[in-house]
Amino acid sequence: MPRIRRPLLVAATALAVCTALVLPLATTEPAAAAGAEVRAARHTTGAPSLTGDVKLARQPGDNVHFRIDAHGFADQARGTFHVSHHFGKTWGGYFKGRIDCLLTGGPAAVATGIVTESHFTGAPGLPEIGDLRGKRFGFTVLDSGKKDRLGYSWAMDGVPKNSVGKCLGSAPFETLEKGDLKVHHWMPPRGAAQQ
């Protein structure tokens, strides 16, 4: 008889130890999963945004500043932008306007806006900008913490004369001298595919 009892005692002890280990896991796993879902939702709720006030890294005497304040999804986005560029003591100016589109993807964002006001002073040998009112331009941002990057739709033609479609811009090729750009990513939930 002692031989039969000992294996039963070992089996019962092993079963009790396994039960003691499995029950807490079963009860904490849904809570941990729910906590992860809440944390994920916290980072994706609300609306997308792109905000910042920066100076581009350029040679001395070439001062380029961008200020963007965009909030909302796609063509429901609203906000403002302001761009100034001064070269030396004589040439330069600014243009500003209203945001009309914003899309985000993780740390990247692209926004477009329509120019409502512009003013540039010309100088011999430097580009003549002209009146930019009514043009749509794009701004692209990579929010990388301390090494943010910015791009703009007129990168190839040198002066912002050509409009682009909503939410279109170039790669974020410029580096910053100072300032910070913040992208808050958000996308609406997607429904099931229709067949």
Foldseek 3Di string as FASTA:
>chain_A
DVVVVVVVVVVVVVVVVVCVVVVVCVVCVVVVVVVVVVVVCVLADDWKWKFKWFWFDDDPQWTKIKTWTWTHAFQVIWTKIKIWTGHHDFWIWIWMFIWGGWADDVQKIKTKGFTQDIDIGDDPPDDDAPTRGGAMKMKMWGFPDPWIFIWIACVPVRHPDHHDDGRDGDPRPITTPDMGMGIRHYDDDDDDDDD
